[in-house]
Amino acid sequence: MIKSKILSAENRYHCPVEATMDVIGGKWKLLIIHHLLEGTKRFNELQKAIPAVTQRMLTSKLRELERDGIVHRKVYAEVPPKVEYSMTEFGRTVEPMLWVMHDWGKIFMERG
């Protein structure tokens, strides 16, 4: 039953791991999520926290995370425009998985 639901979702995914990798996979999305789990950030704060990411790539990945319901984008009607990014309630469900990855990465790094 679960497999048929996944396949019927526009035949987009063939397994849950594929869906997970599509939504949060890649270097930039995981780093963005990591920093947003600390709290709400403005675009420039994210850019400073992830100095290797280009403005174009950060914008693209934030849009994808917003589209998938992981990140919330709040625009304030001010001049200059103020935009803040935060994790959605659903997006916060990624946190335990990120901590597992963190712990594994730490063990890997300590191996030398």
PDB file of N, CA and C in Angstrom:
ATOM      1  N   MET A   1       0.821  -1.199   0.000  1.00  0.00           N
ATOM      2  CA  MET A   1       0.000   0.000   0.000  1.00  0.00           C
ATOM      3  C   MET A   1       0.864   1.262   0.000  1.00  0.00           C
ATOM      4  N   ILE A   2       1.865   1.303   0.864  1.00  0.00           N
ATOM      5  CA  ILE A   2       2.721   2.488   0.921  1.00  0.00           C
ATOM      6  C   ILE A   2       3.432   2.689  -0.405  1.00  0.00           C
ATOM      7  N   LYS A   3       3.973   1.613  -0.966  1.00  0.00           N
ATOM      8  CA  LYS A   3       4.688   1.729  -2.236  1.00  0.00           C
ATOM      9  C   LYS A   3       3.776   2.267  -3.334  1.00  0.00           C
ATOM     10  N   SER A   4       2.534   1.815  -3.380  1.00  0.00           N
ATOM     11  CA  SER A   4       1.632   2.290  -4.424  1.00  0.00           C
ATOM     12  C   SER A   4       1.331   3.776  -4.265  1.00  0.00           C
ATOM     13  N   LYS A   5       1.265   4.275  -3.024  1.00  0.00           N
ATOM     14  CA  LYS A   5       1.044   5.703  -2.804  1.00  0.00           C
ATOM     15  C   LYS A   5       2.231   6.502  -3.311  1.00  0.00           C
ATOM     16  N   ILE A   6       3.429   5.998  -3.052  1.00  0.00           N
ATOM     17  CA  ILE A   6       4.632   6.697  -3.499  1.00  0.00           C
ATOM     18  C   ILE A   6       4.669   6.742  -5.019  1.00  0.00           C
ATOM     19  N   LEU A   7       4.404   5.613  -5.672  1.00  0.00           N
ATOM     20  CA  LEU A   7       4.452   5.567  -7.125  1.00  0.00           C
ATOM     21  C   LEU A   7       3.339   6.388  -7.758  1.00  0.00           C
ATOM     22  N   SER A   8       2.172   6.466  -7.104  1.00  0.00           N
ATOM     23  CA  SER A   8       1.079   7.222  -7.696  1.00  0.00           C
ATOM     24  C   SER A   8       1.283   8.727  -7.572  1.00  0.00           C
ATOM     25  N   ALA A   9       2.192   9.161  -6.748  1.00  0.00           N
ATOM     26  CA  ALA A   9       2.483  10.596  -6.630  1.00  0.00           C
ATOM     27  C   ALA A   9       3.274  11.031  -7.854  1.00  0.00           C
ATOM     28  N   GLU A  10       2.563  11.039  -8.991  1.00  0.00           N
ATOM     29  CA  GLU A  10       3.113  11.438 -10.281  1.00  0.00           C
ATOM     30  C   GLU A  10       4.287  10.559 -10.715  1.00  0.00           C
ATOM     31  N   ASN A  11       4.348   9.342 -10.198  1.00  0.00           N
ATOM     32  CA  ASN A  11       5.463   8.426 -10.490  1.00  0.00           C
ATOM     33  C   ASN A  11       6.816   9.099 -10.280  1.00  0.00           C
ATOM     34  N   ARG A  12       6.838  10.033  -9.358  1.00  0.00           N
ATOM     35  CA  ARG A  12       8.044  10.818  -9.128  1.00  0.00           C
ATOM     36  C   ARG A  12       9.104  10.044  -8.360  1.00  0.00           C
ATOM     37  N   TYR A  13       8.693   9.277  -7.375  1.00  0.00           N
ATOM     38  CA  TYR A  13       9.645   8.562  -6.525  1.00  0.00           C
ATOM     39  C   TYR A  13       9.370   7.067  -6.545  1.00  0.00           C
ATOM     40  N   HIS A  14      10.444   6.313  -6.461  1.00  0.00           N
ATOM     41  CA  HIS A  14      10.319   4.857  -6.442  1.00  0.00           C
ATOM     42  C   HIS A  14      10.584   4.289  -5.059  1.00  0.00           C
ATOM     43  N   CYS A  15      11.131   5.105  -4.151  1.00  0.00           N
ATOM     44  CA  CYS A  15      11.323   4.667  -2.774  1.00  0.00           C
ATOM     45  C   CYS A  15      11.442   5.900  -1.872  1.00  0.00           C
ATOM     46  N   PRO A  16      11.220   5.740  -0.572  1.00  0.00           N
ATOM     47  CA  PRO A  16      11.279   6.868   0.351  1.00  0.00           C
ATOM     48  C   PRO A  16      12.649   7.549   0.411  1.00  0.00           C
ATOM     49  N   VAL A  17      13.719   6.793   0.243  1.00  0.00           N
ATOM     50  CA  VAL A  17      15.059   7.386   0.277  1.00  0.00           C
ATOM     51  C   VAL A  17      15.228   8.352  -0.897  1.00  0.00           C
ATOM     52  N   GLU A  18      14.718   7.984  -2.042  1.00  0.00           N
ATOM     53  CA  GLU A  18      14.775   8.860  -3.216  1.00  0.00           C
ATOM     54  C   GLU A  18      14.027  10.163  -2.948  1.00  0.00           C
ATOM     55  N   ALA A  19      12.852  10.070  -2.320  1.00  0.00           N
ATOM     56  CA  ALA A  19      12.082  11.267  -1.994  1.00  0.00           C
ATOM     57  C   ALA A  19      12.848  12.148  -1.009  1.00  0.00           C
ATOM     58  N   THR A  20      13.436  11.534   0.009  1.00  0.00           N
ATOM     59  CA  THR A  20      14.209  12.281   1.006  1.00  0.00           C
ATOM     60  C   THR A  20      15.383  12.992   0.360  1.00  0.00           C
ATOM     61  N   MET A  21      16.118  12.283  -0.478  1.00  0.00           N
ATOM     62  CA  MET A  21      17.283  12.878  -1.136  1.00  0.00           C
ATOM     63  C   MET A  21      16.872  14.025  -2.056  1.00  0.00           C
ATOM     64  N   ASP A  22      15.729  13.897  -2.692  1.00  0.00           N
ATOM     65  CA  ASP A  22      15.263  14.964  -3.581  1.00  0.00           C
ATOM     66  C   ASP A  22      14.930  16.236  -2.801  1.00  0.00           C
ATOM     67  N   VAL A  23      14.307  16.056  -1.645  1.00  0.00           N
ATOM     68  CA  VAL A  23      13.845  17.209  -0.879  1.00  0.00           C
ATOM     69  C   VAL A  23      14.966  17.865  -0.073  1.00  0.00           C
ATOM     70  N   ILE A  24      15.812  17.079   0.590  1.00  0.00           N
ATOM     71  CA  ILE A  24      16.835  17.682   1.456  1.00  0.00           C
ATOM     72  C   ILE A  24      18.258  17.331   1.052  1.00  0.00           C
ATOM     73  N   GLY A  25      18.415  16.578  -0.013  1.00  0.00           N
ATOM     74  CA  GLY A  25      19.744  16.136  -0.411  1.00  0.00           C
ATOM     75  C   GLY A  25      20.609  17.260  -0.951  1.00  0.00           C
ATOM     76  N   GLY A  26      21.886  17.001  -0.931  1.00  0.00           N
ATOM     77  CA  GLY A  26      22.840  17.966  -1.454  1.00  0.00           C
ATOM     78  C   GLY A  26      23.478  18.784  -0.363  1.00  0.00           C
ATOM     79  N   LYS A  27      24.617  19.284  -0.673  1.00  0.00           N
ATOM     80  CA  LYS A  27      25.420  20.045   0.279  1.00  0.00           C
ATOM     81  C   LYS A  27      24.703  21.287   0.805  1.00  0.00           C
ATOM     82  N   TRP A  28      24.116  22.057  -0.053  1.00  0.00           N
ATOM     83  CA  TRP A  28      23.582  23.351   0.355  1.00  0.00           C
ATOM     84  C   TRP A  28      22.304  23.236   1.162  1.00  0.00           C
ATOM     85  N   LYS A  29      21.385  22.382   0.768  1.00  0.00           N
ATOM     86  CA  LYS A  29      20.119  22.278   1.487  1.00  0.00           C
ATOM     87  C   LYS A  29      20.335  21.845   2.928  1.00  0.00           C
ATOM     88  N   LEU A  30      21.205  20.877   3.128  1.00  0.00           N
ATOM     89  CA  LEU A  30      21.451  20.410   4.495  1.00  0.00           C
ATOM     90  C   LEU A  30      22.104  21.495   5.348  1.00  0.00           C
ATOM     91  N   LEU A  31      22.995  22.265   4.761  1.00  0.00           N
ATOM     92  CA  LEU A  31      23.617  23.354   5.517  1.00  0.00           C
ATOM     93  C   LEU A  31      22.610  24.457   5.830  1.00  0.00           C
ATOM     94  N   ILE A  32      21.753  24.765   4.891  1.00  0.00           N
ATOM     95  CA  ILE A  32      20.702  25.762   5.129  1.00  0.00           C
ATOM     96  C   ILE A  32      19.801  25.298   6.277  1.00  0.00           C
ATOM     97  N   ILE A  33      19.367  24.049   6.206  1.00  0.00           N
ATOM     98  CA  ILE A  33      18.511  23.489   7.255  1.00  0.00           C
ATOM     99  C   ILE A  33      19.233  23.537   8.599  1.00  0.00           C
ATOM    100  N   HIS A  34      20.490  23.151   8.611  1.00  0.00           N
ATOM    101  CA  HIS A  34      21.285  23.157   9.848  1.00  0.00           C
ATOM    102  C   HIS A  34      21.252  24.545  10.496  1.00  0.00           C
ATOM    103  N   HIS A  35      21.468  25.577   9.721  1.00  0.00           N
ATOM    104  CA  HIS A  35      21.497  26.933  10.274  1.00  0.00           C
ATOM    105  C   HIS A  35      20.107  27.442  10.646  1.00  0.00           C
ATOM    106  N   LEU A  36      19.092  27.062   9.889  1.00  0.00           N
ATOM    107  CA  LEU A  36      17.735  27.512  10.215  1.00  0.00           C
ATOM    108  C   LEU A  36      17.163  26.793  11.430  1.00  0.00           C
ATOM    109  N   LEU A  37      17.671  25.612  11.736  1.00  0.00           N
ATOM    110  CA  LEU A  37      17.226  24.931  12.950  1.00  0.00           C
ATOM    111  C   LEU A  37      17.681  25.689  14.197  1.00  0.00           C
ATOM    112  N   GLU A  38      18.707  26.528  14.057  1.00  0.00           N
ATOM    113  CA  GLU A  38      19.175  27.370  15.164  1.00  0.00           C
ATOM    114  C   GLU A  38      18.222  28.532  15.407  1.00  0.00           C
ATOM    115  N   GLY A  39      17.439  28.891  14.388  1.00  0.00           N
ATOM    116  CA  GLY A  39      16.498  29.995  14.521  1.00  0.00           C
ATOM    117  C   GLY A  39      16.313  30.728  13.206  1.00  0.00           C
ATOM    118  N   THR A  40      15.386  31.657  13.204  1.00  0.00           N
ATOM    119  CA  THR A  40      15.063  32.446  12.021  1.00  0.00           C
ATOM    120  C   THR A  40      16.279  33.248  11.573  1.00  0.00           C
ATOM    121  N   LYS A  41      16.483  33.294  10.261  1.00  0.00           N
ATOM    122  CA  LYS A  41      17.633  34.010   9.699  1.00  0.00           C
ATOM    123  C   LYS A  41      17.182  34.828   8.492  1.00  0.00           C
ATOM    124  N   ARG A  42      17.884  35.921   8.283  1.00  0.00           N
ATOM    125  CA  ARG A  42      17.708  36.696   7.058  1.00  0.00           C
ATOM    126  C   ARG A  42      18.661  36.137   6.017  1.00  0.00           C
ATOM    127  N   PHE A  43      18.424  36.504   4.770  1.00  0.00           N
ATOM    128  CA  PHE A  43      19.226  35.983   3.660  1.00  0.00           C
ATOM    129  C   PHE A  43      20.719  36.233   3.883  1.00  0.00           C
ATOM    130  N   ASN A  44      21.067  37.456   4.255  1.00  0.00           N
ATOM    131  CA  ASN A  44      22.476  37.798   4.457  1.00  0.00           C
ATOM    132  C   ASN A  44      23.108  37.001   5.598  1.00  0.00           C
ATOM    133  N   GLU A  45      22.332  36.697   6.617  1.00  0.00           N
ATOM    134  CA  GLU A  45      22.849  35.877   7.716  1.00  0.00           C
ATOM    135  C   GLU A  45      23.174  34.468   7.235  1.00  0.00           C
ATOM    136  N   LEU A  46      22.305  33.930   6.387  1.00  0.00           N
ATOM    137  CA  LEU A  46      22.576  32.606   5.827  1.00  0.00           C
ATOM    138  C   LEU A  46      23.802  32.639   4.932  1.00  0.00           C
ATOM    139  N   GLN A  47      23.930  33.695   4.157  1.00  0.00           N
ATOM    140  CA  GLN A  47      25.073  33.825   3.263  1.00  0.00           C
ATOM    141  C   GLN A  47      26.381  33.897   4.050  1.00  0.00           C
ATOM    142  N   LYS A  48      26.379  34.612   5.161  1.00  0.00           N
ATOM    143  CA  LYS A  48      27.571  34.694   6.010  1.00  0.00           C
ATOM    144  C   LYS A  48      27.865  33.364   6.698  1.00  0.00           C
ATOM    145  N   ALA A  49      26.820  32.644   7.070  1.00  0.00           N
ATOM    146  CA  ALA A  49      26.987  31.354   7.744  1.00  0.00           C
ATOM    147  C   ALA A  49      27.499  30.271   6.795  1.00  0.00           C
ATOM    148  N   ILE A  50      27.214  30.443   5.495  1.00  0.00           N
ATOM    149  CA  ILE A  50      27.631  29.479   4.474  1.00  0.00           C
ATOM    150  C   ILE A  50      28.401  30.247   3.400  1.00  0.00           C
ATOM    151  N   PRO A  51      29.629  30.673   3.692  1.00  0.00           N
ATOM    152  CA  PRO A  51      30.343  31.574   2.783  1.00  0.00           C
ATOM    153  C   PRO A  51      30.647  30.997   1.399  1.00  0.00           C
ATOM    154  N   ALA A  52      30.697  29.690   1.256  1.00  0.00           N
ATOM    155  CA  ALA A  52      31.042  29.090  -0.039  1.00  0.00           C
ATOM    156  C   ALA A  52      29.874  29.084  -1.029  1.00  0.00           C
ATOM    157  N   VAL A  53      28.649  29.295  -0.547  1.00  0.00           N
ATOM    158  CA  VAL A  53      27.485  29.252  -1.433  1.00  0.00           C
ATOM    159  C   VAL A  53      27.343  30.592  -2.158  1.00  0.00           C
ATOM    160  N   THR A  54      27.003  30.520  -3.433  1.00  0.00           N
ATOM    161  CA  THR A  54      26.766  31.746  -4.196  1.00  0.00           C
ATOM    162  C   THR A  54      25.368  32.269  -3.878  1.00  0.00           C
ATOM    163  N   GLN A  55      25.151  33.540  -4.134  1.00  0.00           N
ATOM    164  CA  GLN A  55      23.838  34.150  -3.904  1.00  0.00           C
ATOM    165  C   GLN A  55      22.779  33.439  -4.743  1.00  0.00           C
ATOM    166  N   ARG A  56      23.110  33.154  -5.978  1.00  0.00           N
ATOM    167  CA  ARG A  56      22.171  32.476  -6.885  1.00  0.00           C
ATOM    168  C   ARG A  56      21.800  31.077  -6.371  1.00  0.00           C
ATOM    169  N   MET A  57      22.794  30.321  -5.916  1.00  0.00           N
ATOM    170  CA  MET A  57      22.541  28.969  -5.418  1.00  0.00           C
ATOM    171  C   MET A  57      21.723  29.005  -4.130  1.00  0.00           C
ATOM    172  N   LEU A  58      22.057  29.929  -3.232  1.00  0.00           N
ATOM    173  CA  LEU A  58      21.312  30.045  -1.981  1.00  0.00           C
ATOM    174  C   LEU A  58      19.853  30.386  -2.266  1.00  0.00           C
ATOM    175  N   THR A  59      19.619  31.318  -3.149  1.00  0.00           N
ATOM    176  CA  THR A  59      18.257  31.689  -3.536  1.00  0.00           C
ATOM    177  C   THR A  59      17.516  30.487  -4.101  1.00  0.00           C
ATOM    178  N   SER A  60      18.165  29.757  -4.987  1.00  0.00           N
ATOM    179  CA  SER A  60      17.555  28.591  -5.621  1.00  0.00           C
ATOM    180  C   SER A  60      17.181  27.522  -4.595  1.00  0.00           C
ATOM    181  N   LYS A  61      18.106  27.216  -3.703  1.00  0.00           N
ATOM    182  CA  LYS A  61      17.858  26.151  -2.713  1.00  0.00           C
ATOM    183  C   LYS A  61      16.808  26.577  -1.696  1.00  0.00           C
ATOM    184  N   LEU A  62      16.805  27.844  -1.302  1.00  0.00           N
ATOM    185  CA  LEU A  62      15.760  28.326  -0.395  1.00  0.00           C
ATOM    186  C   LEU A  62      14.385  28.215  -1.044  1.00  0.00           C
ATOM    187  N   ARG A  63      14.295  28.545  -2.323  1.00  0.00           N
ATOM    188  CA  ARG A  63      13.016  28.425  -3.042  1.00  0.00           C
ATOM    189  C   ARG A  63      12.544  26.973  -3.087  1.00  0.00           C
ATOM    190  N   GLU A  64      13.474  26.055  -3.348  1.00  0.00           N
ATOM    191  CA  GLU A  64      13.116  24.632  -3.386  1.00  0.00           C
ATOM    192  C   GLU A  64      12.641  24.155  -2.019  1.00  0.00           C
ATOM    193  N   LEU A  65      13.340  24.560  -0.960  1.00  0.00           N
ATOM    194  CA  LEU A  65      12.946  24.160   0.390  1.00  0.00           C
ATOM    195  C   LEU A  65      11.588  24.765   0.768  1.00  0.00           C
ATOM    196  N   GLU A  66      11.336  25.984   0.315  1.00  0.00           N
ATOM    197  CA  GLU A  66      10.037  26.612   0.559  1.00  0.00           C
ATOM    198  C   GLU A  66       8.944  25.868  -0.210  1.00  0.00           C
ATOM    199  N   ARG A  67       9.203  25.558  -1.460  1.00  0.00           N
ATOM    200  CA  ARG A  67       8.236  24.841  -2.300  1.00  0.00           C
ATOM    201  C   ARG A  67       7.847  23.494  -1.685  1.00  0.00           C
ATOM    202  N   ASP A  68       8.821  22.828  -1.063  1.00  0.00           N
ATOM    203  CA  ASP A  68       8.579  21.509  -0.480  1.00  0.00           C
ATOM    204  C   ASP A  68       8.069  21.565   0.954  1.00  0.00           C
ATOM    205  N   GLY A  69       7.822  22.769   1.468  1.00  0.00           N
ATOM    206  CA  GLY A  69       7.225  22.907   2.796  1.00  0.00           C
ATOM    207  C   GLY A  69       8.201  22.735   3.940  1.00  0.00           C
ATOM    208  N   ILE A  70       9.482  22.852   3.669  1.00  0.00           N
ATOM    209  CA  ILE A  70      10.505  22.685   4.704  1.00  0.00           C
ATOM    210  C   ILE A  70      10.831  24.034   5.345  1.00  0.00           C
ATOM    211  N   VAL A  71      10.873  25.075   4.540  1.00  0.00           N
ATOM    212  CA  VAL A  71      11.253  26.415   4.982  1.00  0.00           C
ATOM    213  C   VAL A  71      10.095  27.379   4.741  1.00  0.00           C
ATOM    214  N   HIS A  72       9.921  28.302   5.684  1.00  0.00           N
ATOM    215  CA  HIS A  72       8.918  29.363   5.554  1.00  0.00           C
ATOM    216  C   HIS A  72       9.643  30.668   5.245  1.00  0.00           C
ATOM    217  N   ARG A  73       9.136  31.401   4.277  1.00  0.00           N
ATOM    218  CA  ARG A  73       9.693  32.699   3.879  1.00  0.00           C
ATOM    219  C   ARG A  73       8.693  33.778   4.253  1.00  0.00           C
ATOM    220  N   LYS A  74       9.140  34.713   5.083  1.00  0.00           N
ATOM    221  CA  LYS A  74       8.260  35.803   5.514  1.00  0.00           C
ATOM    222  C   LYS A  74       8.818  37.118   4.990  1.00  0.00           C
ATOM    223  N   VAL A  75       7.992  37.836   4.234  1.00  0.00           N
ATOM    224  CA  VAL A  75       8.384  39.110   3.654  1.00  0.00           C
ATOM    225  C   VAL A  75       7.686  40.222   4.418  1.00  0.00           C
ATOM    226  N   TYR A  76       8.470  41.195   4.868  1.00  0.00           N
ATOM    227  CA  TYR A  76       7.934  42.358   5.566  1.00  0.00           C
ATOM    228  C   TYR A  76       7.794  43.510   4.577  1.00  0.00           C
ATOM    229  N   ALA A  77       6.702  44.240   4.669  1.00  0.00           N
ATOM    230  CA  ALA A  77       6.451  45.376   3.776  1.00  0.00           C
ATOM    231  C   ALA A  77       7.219  46.587   4.288  1.00  0.00           C
ATOM    232  N   GLU A  78       8.512  46.593   3.997  1.00  0.00           N
ATOM    233  CA  GLU A  78       9.400  47.677   4.421  1.00  0.00           C
ATOM    234  C   GLU A  78      10.285  48.080   3.260  1.00  0.00           C
ATOM    235  N   VAL A  79      10.909  49.231   3.406  1.00  0.00           N
ATOM    236  CA  VAL A  79      11.922  49.656   2.444  1.00  0.00           C
ATOM    237  C   VAL A  79      13.194  49.903   3.237  1.00  0.00           C
ATOM    238  N   PRO A  80      14.285  49.198   2.941  1.00  0.00           N
ATOM    239  CA  PRO A  80      14.386  48.127   1.951  1.00  0.00           C
ATOM    240  C   PRO A  80      13.627  46.886   2.420  1.00  0.00           C
ATOM    241  N   PRO A  81      13.281  46.007   1.479  1.00  0.00           N
ATOM    242  CA  PRO A  81      12.514  44.806   1.834  1.00  0.00           C
ATOM    243  C   PRO A  81      13.262  43.941   2.848  1.00  0.00           C
ATOM    244  N   LYS A  82      12.526  43.426   3.790  1.00  0.00           N
ATOM    245  CA  LYS A  82      13.092  42.534   4.802  1.00  0.00           C
ATOM    246  C   LYS A  82      12.453  41.166   4.614  1.00  0.00           C
ATOM    247  N   VAL A  83      13.297  40.139   4.486  1.00  0.00           N
ATOM    248  CA  VAL A  83      12.815  38.774   4.294  1.00  0.00           C
ATOM    249  C   VAL A  83      13.489  37.888   5.332  1.00  0.00           C
ATOM    250  N   GLU A  84      12.697  37.069   6.001  1.00  0.00           N
ATOM    251  CA  GLU A  84      13.228  36.136   6.987  1.00  0.00           C
ATOM    252  C   GLU A  84      12.854  34.709   6.599  1.00  0.00           C
ATOM    253  N   TYR A  85      13.752  33.797   6.920  1.00  0.00           N
ATOM    254  CA  TYR A  85      13.535  32.383   6.655  1.00  0.00           C
ATOM    255  C   TYR A  85      13.540  31.628   7.970  1.00  0.00           C
ATOM    256  N   SER A  86      12.643  30.667   8.076  1.00  0.00           N
ATOM    257  CA  SER A  86      12.568  29.829   9.270  1.00  0.00           C
ATOM    258  C   SER A  86      12.105  28.438   8.848  1.00  0.00           C
ATOM    259  N   MET A  87      12.265  27.514   9.751  1.00  0.00           N
ATOM    260  CA  MET A  87      11.814  26.151   9.488  1.00  0.00           C
ATOM    261  C   MET A  87      10.316  26.061   9.751  1.00  0.00           C
ATOM    262  N   THR A  88       9.618  25.322   8.913  1.00  0.00           N
ATOM    263  CA  THR A  88       8.203  25.048   9.161  1.00  0.00           C
ATOM    264  C   THR A  88       8.121  23.938  10.205  1.00  0.00           C
ATOM    265  N   GLU A  89       6.936  23.722  10.709  1.00  0.00           N
ATOM    266  CA  GLU A  89       6.733  22.622  11.662  1.00  0.00           C
ATOM    267  C   GLU A  89       7.128  21.295  11.002  1.00  0.00           C
ATOM    268  N   PHE A  90       6.698  21.113   9.767  1.00  0.00           N
ATOM    269  CA  PHE A  90       7.065  19.892   9.041  1.00  0.00           C
ATOM    270  C   PHE A  90       8.574  19.829   8.809  1.00  0.00           C
ATOM    271  N   GLY A  91       9.186  20.964   8.480  1.00  0.00           N
ATOM    272  CA  GLY A  91      10.623  21.006   8.253  1.00  0.00           C
ATOM    273  C   GLY A  91      11.420  20.591   9.477  1.00  0.00           C
ATOM    274  N   ARG A  92      10.907  20.902  10.650  1.00  0.00           N
ATOM    275  CA  ARG A  92      11.601  20.541  11.890  1.00  0.00           C
ATOM    276  C   ARG A  92      11.670  19.030  12.092  1.00  0.00           C
ATOM    277  N   THR A  93      10.848  18.277  11.387  1.00  0.00           N
ATOM    278  CA  THR A  93      10.914  16.819  11.518  1.00  0.00           C
ATOM    279  C   THR A  93      12.218  16.263  10.941  1.00  0.00           C
ATOM    280  N   VAL A  94      12.963  17.079  10.228  1.00  0.00           N
ATOM    281  CA  VAL A  94      14.253  16.675   9.668  1.00  0.00           C
ATOM    282  C   VAL A  94      15.344  16.666  10.749  1.00  0.00           C
ATOM    283  N   GLU A  95      15.128  17.398  11.832  1.00  0.00           N
ATOM    284  CA  GLU A  95      16.174  17.589  12.838  1.00  0.00           C
ATOM    285  C   GLU A  95      16.780  16.290  13.379  1.00  0.00           C
ATOM    286  N   PRO A  96      15.997  15.295  13.788  1.00  0.00           N
ATOM    287  CA  PRO A  96      16.629  14.067  14.303  1.00  0.00           C
ATOM    288  C   PRO A  96      17.552  13.410  13.272  1.00  0.00           C
ATOM    289  N   MET A  97      17.149  13.436  12.009  1.00  0.00           N
ATOM    290  CA  MET A  97      17.968  12.851  10.952  1.00  0.00           C
ATOM    291  C   MET A  97      19.279  13.630  10.800  1.00  0.00           C
ATOM    292  N   LEU A  98      19.195  14.944  10.912  1.00  0.00           N
ATOM    293  CA  LEU A  98      20.386  15.782  10.794  1.00  0.00           C
ATOM    294  C   LEU A  98      21.356  15.513  11.939  1.00  0.00           C
ATOM    295  N   TRP A  99      20.834  15.284  13.149  1.00  0.00           N
ATOM    296  CA  TRP A  99      21.703  14.967  14.284  1.00  0.00           C
ATOM    297  C   TRP A  99      22.393  13.620  14.106  1.00  0.00           C
ATOM    298  N   VAL A 100      21.701  12.659  13.528  1.00  0.00           N
ATOM    299  CA  VAL A 100      22.331  11.365  13.244  1.00  0.00           C
ATOM    300  C   VAL A 100      23.479  11.562  12.252  1.00  0.00           C
ATOM    301  N   MET A 101      23.240  12.380  11.238  1.00  0.00           N
ATOM    302  CA  MET A 101      24.291  12.666  10.253  1.00  0.00           C
ATOM    303  C   MET A 101      25.454  13.409  10.917  1.00  0.00           C
ATOM    304  N   HIS A 102      25.138  14.332  11.801  1.00  0.00           N
ATOM    305  CA  HIS A 102      26.163  15.075  12.535  1.00  0.00           C
ATOM    306  C   HIS A 102      27.042  14.119  13.342  1.00  0.00           C
ATOM    307  N   ASP A 103      26.396  13.245  14.094  1.00  0.00           N
ATOM    308  CA  ASP A 103      27.141  12.308  14.942  1.00  0.00           C
ATOM    309  C   ASP A 103      27.998  11.364  14.109  1.00  0.00           C
ATOM    310  N   TRP A 104      27.455  10.877  13.007  1.00  0.00           N
ATOM    311  CA  TRP A 104      28.222   9.996  12.131  1.00  0.00           C
ATOM    312  C   TRP A 104      29.412  10.738  11.536  1.00  0.00           C
ATOM    313  N   GLY A 105      29.187  11.966  11.093  1.00  0.00           N
ATOM    314  CA  GLY A 105      30.265  12.770  10.524  1.00  0.00           C
ATOM    315  C   GLY A 105      31.375  13.027  11.529  1.00  0.00           C
ATOM    316  N   LYS A 106      31.003  13.270  12.768  1.00  0.00           N
ATOM    317  CA  LYS A 106      31.998  13.501  13.827  1.00  0.00           C
ATOM    318  C   LYS A 106      32.851  12.252  14.037  1.00  0.00           C
ATOM    319  N   ILE A 107      32.211  11.091  14.079  1.00  0.00           N
ATOM    320  CA  ILE A 107      32.954   9.829  14.225  1.00  0.00           C
ATOM    321  C   ILE A 107      33.885   9.630  13.026  1.00  0.00           C
ATOM    322  N   PHE A 108      33.387   9.889  11.849  1.00  0.00           N
ATOM    323  CA  PHE A 108      34.202   9.743  10.642  1.00  0.00           C
ATOM    324  C   PHE A 108      35.423  10.660  10.692  1.00  0.00           C
ATOM    325  N   MET A 109      35.211  11.908  11.081  1.00  0.00           N
ATOM    326  CA  MET A 109      36.306  12.875  11.129  1.00  0.00           C
ATOM    327  C   MET A 109      37.356  12.494  12.177  1.00  0.00           C
ATOM    328  N   GLU A 110      36.920  11.920  13.278  1.00  0.00           N
ATOM    329  CA  GLU A 110      37.842  11.534  14.352  1.00  0.00           C
ATOM    330  C   GLU A 110      38.676  10.304  14.000  1.00  0.00           C
ATOM    331  N   ARG A 111      38.258   9.563  12.995  1.00  0.00           N
ATOM    332  CA  ARG A 111      38.994   8.379  12.560  1.00  0.00           C
ATOM    333  C   ARG A 111      40.331   8.757  11.958  1.00  0.00           C
ATOM    334  N   GLY A 112      40.440   9.995  11.482  1.00  0.00           N
ATOM    335  CA  GLY A 112      41.707  10.452  10.909  1.00  0.00           C
ATOM    336  C   GLY A 112      41.731  10.313   9.501  1.00  0.00           C
TER     337      GLY A 112
END
